[in-house]
N, C-alpha and C. Protein backbone atom coordinates (compact mmCIF):
# COMPACT_ATOMS: atom_id res chain seq x y z
N LEU A 1 40.96 34.68 57.21
CA LEU A 1 41.84 33.86 58.01
C LEU A 1 43.19 34.57 58.06
N TYR A 2 43.73 34.70 59.26
CA TYR A 2 45.00 35.41 59.44
C TYR A 2 46.09 34.50 59.99
N ARG A 3 47.31 34.84 59.67
CA ARG A 3 48.51 34.21 60.23
C ARG A 3 49.30 35.30 60.92
N ARG A 4 49.84 34.97 62.08
CA ARG A 4 50.62 35.96 62.83
C ARG A 4 52.05 36.00 62.30
N GLU A 5 52.58 37.20 62.18
CA GLU A 5 53.98 37.40 61.85
C GLU A 5 54.49 38.52 62.75
N GLY A 6 55.19 38.14 63.82
CA GLY A 6 55.64 39.12 64.80
C GLY A 6 54.45 39.74 65.50
N THR A 7 54.34 41.06 65.41
CA THR A 7 53.20 41.75 66.02
C THR A 7 52.20 42.23 64.98
N THR A 8 52.24 41.63 63.80
CA THR A 8 51.25 41.93 62.76
C THR A 8 50.55 40.64 62.37
N ARG A 9 49.49 40.79 61.60
CA ARG A 9 48.77 39.64 61.07
C ARG A 9 48.63 39.81 59.57
N ILE A 10 48.64 38.69 58.86
CA ILE A 10 48.55 38.70 57.41
C ILE A 10 47.33 37.88 57.01
N CYS A 11 46.49 38.44 56.15
CA CYS A 11 45.33 37.71 55.65
C CYS A 11 45.82 36.65 54.67
N ILE A 12 45.52 35.38 54.97
CA ILE A 12 45.97 34.29 54.10
C ILE A 12 44.83 33.63 53.34
N ALA A 13 43.58 33.93 53.72
CA ALA A 13 42.41 33.41 53.01
C ALA A 13 41.22 34.30 53.31
N ALA A 14 40.32 34.43 52.34
CA ALA A 14 39.12 35.25 52.52
C ALA A 14 38.02 34.71 51.62
N LEU A 15 36.79 34.87 52.06
CA LEU A 15 35.64 34.45 51.27
C LEU A 15 34.66 35.61 51.19
N GLU A 16 34.41 36.06 49.99
CA GLU A 16 33.51 37.19 49.76
C GLU A 16 32.08 36.67 49.64
N PRO A 17 31.13 37.23 50.40
CA PRO A 17 29.75 36.78 50.27
C PRO A 17 29.17 37.20 48.91
N PRO A 18 28.22 36.42 48.37
CA PRO A 18 27.66 36.76 47.07
C PRO A 18 26.78 38.01 47.09
N ALA A 19 26.25 38.36 48.26
CA ALA A 19 25.38 39.54 48.37
C ALA A 19 25.46 40.08 49.79
N GLY A 20 24.95 41.28 49.97
CA GLY A 20 24.92 41.88 51.30
C GLY A 20 26.20 42.63 51.62
N LEU A 21 26.39 42.87 52.90
CA LEU A 21 27.55 43.63 53.37
C LEU A 21 28.85 42.91 53.01
N ARG A 22 29.77 43.65 52.44
CA ARG A 22 31.07 43.08 52.06
C ARG A 22 32.18 43.89 52.70
N ASP A 23 32.86 43.27 53.62
CA ASP A 23 33.97 43.91 54.32
C ASP A 23 35.13 42.92 54.40
N THR A 24 35.49 42.38 53.24
CA THR A 24 36.53 41.36 53.18
C THR A 24 37.90 42.00 53.03
N VAL A 25 38.85 41.53 53.80
CA VAL A 25 40.23 42.00 53.72
C VAL A 25 40.91 41.23 52.58
N PRO A 26 41.55 41.91 51.64
CA PRO A 26 42.23 41.21 50.55
C PRO A 26 43.36 40.31 51.05
N ILE A 27 43.51 39.17 50.42
CA ILE A 27 44.59 38.23 50.76
C ILE A 27 45.92 38.94 50.59
N GLY A 28 46.80 38.74 51.55
CA GLY A 28 48.12 39.37 51.54
C GLY A 28 48.20 40.66 52.33
N THR A 29 47.05 41.19 52.74
CA THR A 29 47.03 42.44 53.51
C THR A 29 47.62 42.22 54.89
N ARG A 30 48.48 43.15 55.30
CA ARG A 30 49.05 43.14 56.66
C ARG A 30 48.28 44.13 57.51
N LEU A 31 47.89 43.69 58.70
CA LEU A 31 47.18 44.55 59.64
C LEU A 31 47.84 44.45 61.01
N PRO A 32 47.75 45.51 61.80
CA PRO A 32 48.27 45.42 63.16
C PRO A 32 47.36 44.53 64.01
N MET A 33 47.89 44.03 65.09
CA MET A 33 47.09 43.22 66.01
C MET A 33 46.60 44.09 67.16
N THR A 34 45.94 45.19 66.80
CA THR A 34 45.48 46.13 67.82
C THR A 34 43.97 46.22 67.91
N ALA A 35 43.23 45.73 66.92
CA ALA A 35 41.77 45.81 66.94
C ALA A 35 41.18 44.74 66.03
N GLY A 36 40.00 44.26 66.41
CA GLY A 36 39.31 43.25 65.63
C GLY A 36 39.41 41.88 66.25
N SER A 37 38.50 41.00 65.86
CA SER A 37 38.48 39.67 66.47
C SER A 37 39.73 38.86 66.14
N GLY A 38 40.21 38.94 64.90
CA GLY A 38 41.44 38.23 64.55
C GLY A 38 42.64 38.74 65.33
N ALA A 39 42.62 40.02 65.63
CA ALA A 39 43.71 40.63 66.40
C ALA A 39 43.68 40.20 67.86
N LYS A 40 42.58 39.68 68.32
CA LYS A 40 42.49 39.17 69.70
C LYS A 40 42.90 37.70 69.77
N VAL A 41 42.46 36.91 68.80
CA VAL A 41 42.72 35.47 68.83
C VAL A 41 44.22 35.18 68.72
N LEU A 42 44.90 35.82 67.80
CA LEU A 42 46.31 35.51 67.58
C LEU A 42 47.19 35.79 68.79
N PRO A 43 47.13 36.97 69.40
CA PRO A 43 47.97 37.17 70.59
C PRO A 43 47.48 36.39 71.81
N ALA A 44 46.20 36.03 71.84
CA ALA A 44 45.70 35.24 72.98
C ALA A 44 46.46 33.93 73.12
N TYR A 45 46.90 33.38 72.01
CA TYR A 45 47.61 32.10 72.03
C TYR A 45 49.10 32.26 71.73
N ALA A 46 49.57 33.49 71.68
CA ALA A 46 51.00 33.76 71.43
C ALA A 46 51.77 33.77 72.74
N ASP A 47 53.08 33.84 72.64
CA ASP A 47 53.94 33.90 73.82
C ASP A 47 53.76 35.23 74.54
N GLY A 48 54.16 35.27 75.80
CA GLY A 48 54.00 36.46 76.62
C GLY A 48 54.67 37.69 76.06
N GLY A 49 55.82 37.52 75.43
CA GLY A 49 56.53 38.66 74.84
C GLY A 49 55.73 39.31 73.73
N THR A 50 55.12 38.50 72.89
CA THR A 50 54.28 39.03 71.81
C THR A 50 53.07 39.74 72.38
N GLN A 51 52.45 39.15 73.39
CA GLN A 51 51.29 39.78 74.02
C GLN A 51 51.66 41.15 74.58
N GLN A 52 52.78 41.23 75.28
CA GLN A 52 53.19 42.50 75.88
C GLN A 52 53.56 43.53 74.82
N ALA A 53 54.04 43.09 73.66
CA ALA A 53 54.37 44.02 72.58
C ALA A 53 53.10 44.57 71.91
N VAL A 54 52.03 43.78 71.88
CA VAL A 54 50.79 44.18 71.22
C VAL A 54 49.91 45.04 72.12
N LEU A 55 49.82 44.71 73.39
CA LEU A 55 48.84 45.33 74.29
C LEU A 55 48.92 46.86 74.43
N PRO A 56 50.09 47.49 74.45
CA PRO A 56 50.08 48.96 74.64
C PRO A 56 49.27 49.73 73.60
N GLY A 57 49.21 49.27 72.37
CA GLY A 57 48.45 49.98 71.34
C GLY A 57 47.10 49.36 71.03
N ALA A 58 46.73 48.31 71.76
CA ALA A 58 45.51 47.57 71.46
C ALA A 58 44.26 48.20 72.07
N LYS A 59 43.12 47.90 71.45
CA LYS A 59 41.83 48.33 71.96
C LYS A 59 41.25 47.29 72.92
N PHE A 60 42.09 46.37 73.39
CA PHE A 60 41.68 45.34 74.33
C PHE A 60 42.78 45.15 75.35
N THR A 61 42.52 44.35 76.38
CA THR A 61 43.46 44.19 77.49
C THR A 61 43.91 42.74 77.62
N ASP A 62 44.83 42.51 78.55
CA ASP A 62 45.26 41.14 78.82
C ASP A 62 44.10 40.31 79.36
N ARG A 63 43.16 40.94 80.04
CA ARG A 63 41.97 40.23 80.51
C ARG A 63 41.14 39.74 79.32
N THR A 64 41.03 40.55 78.29
CA THR A 64 40.33 40.15 77.07
C THR A 64 40.97 38.91 76.47
N LEU A 65 42.31 38.89 76.42
CA LEU A 65 43.01 37.74 75.86
C LEU A 65 42.75 36.49 76.68
N ALA A 66 42.70 36.63 78.00
CA ALA A 66 42.39 35.49 78.88
C ALA A 66 40.98 34.97 78.60
N GLU A 67 40.03 35.88 78.39
CA GLU A 67 38.65 35.49 78.07
C GLU A 67 38.59 34.75 76.73
N VAL A 68 39.36 35.21 75.76
CA VAL A 68 39.41 34.56 74.45
C VAL A 68 39.94 33.13 74.61
N ARG A 69 40.99 32.96 75.37
CA ARG A 69 41.54 31.61 75.59
C ARG A 69 40.51 30.71 76.27
N LYS A 70 39.78 31.25 77.23
CA LYS A 70 38.78 30.47 77.97
C LYS A 70 37.63 30.05 77.06
N ARG A 71 37.12 31.00 76.24
CA ARG A 71 35.98 30.74 75.35
C ARG A 71 36.39 29.96 74.11
N GLY A 72 37.58 30.27 73.58
CA GLY A 72 38.03 29.65 72.34
C GLY A 72 37.68 30.45 71.09
N TRP A 73 37.16 31.66 71.26
CA TRP A 73 36.80 32.51 70.13
C TRP A 73 36.77 33.96 70.57
N ALA A 74 36.74 34.87 69.58
CA ALA A 74 36.71 36.31 69.86
C ALA A 74 35.68 36.99 68.97
N GLN A 75 35.22 38.13 69.43
CA GLN A 75 34.32 38.96 68.62
C GLN A 75 34.72 40.41 68.78
N SER A 76 34.28 41.23 67.85
CA SER A 76 34.53 42.67 67.97
C SER A 76 33.38 43.42 67.34
N ALA A 77 33.17 44.63 67.81
CA ALA A 77 32.13 45.50 67.25
C ALA A 77 32.73 46.89 67.08
N ALA A 78 32.87 47.31 65.85
CA ALA A 78 33.36 48.65 65.51
C ALA A 78 34.76 48.95 66.03
N GLU A 79 35.58 47.92 66.22
CA GLU A 79 36.96 48.15 66.67
C GLU A 79 37.86 48.57 65.52
N ARG A 80 37.76 47.86 64.41
CA ARG A 80 38.63 48.14 63.27
C ARG A 80 38.01 49.16 62.33
N GLU A 81 36.70 49.06 62.12
CA GLU A 81 35.97 49.97 61.24
C GLU A 81 34.69 50.41 61.95
N PRO A 82 34.46 51.71 62.09
CA PRO A 82 33.23 52.17 62.75
C PRO A 82 31.97 51.60 62.09
N GLY A 83 31.07 51.09 62.91
CA GLY A 83 29.80 50.58 62.42
C GLY A 83 29.83 49.16 61.90
N VAL A 84 30.99 48.50 61.92
CA VAL A 84 31.10 47.13 61.42
C VAL A 84 31.36 46.19 62.59
N ALA A 85 30.57 45.12 62.65
CA ALA A 85 30.74 44.13 63.72
C ALA A 85 31.27 42.83 63.16
């Protein structure tokens, strides 16, 4: 679970699975809002200025953000880490 702070996101909660693939971001980690499903959801509902600040370096477009708002959720495949969906 992430919280937006400016043009970055901070992990505020995480749940590690008991078995299988583990790709959990440690609580307190700061990440850019340029790739990943969390990086799409937060700017999708942010003000226009934040969206314009994030988009130049993002692996998604303003159209992607509009789709996220319409659907209410986001997904990503290998955006933040190769081979991880």
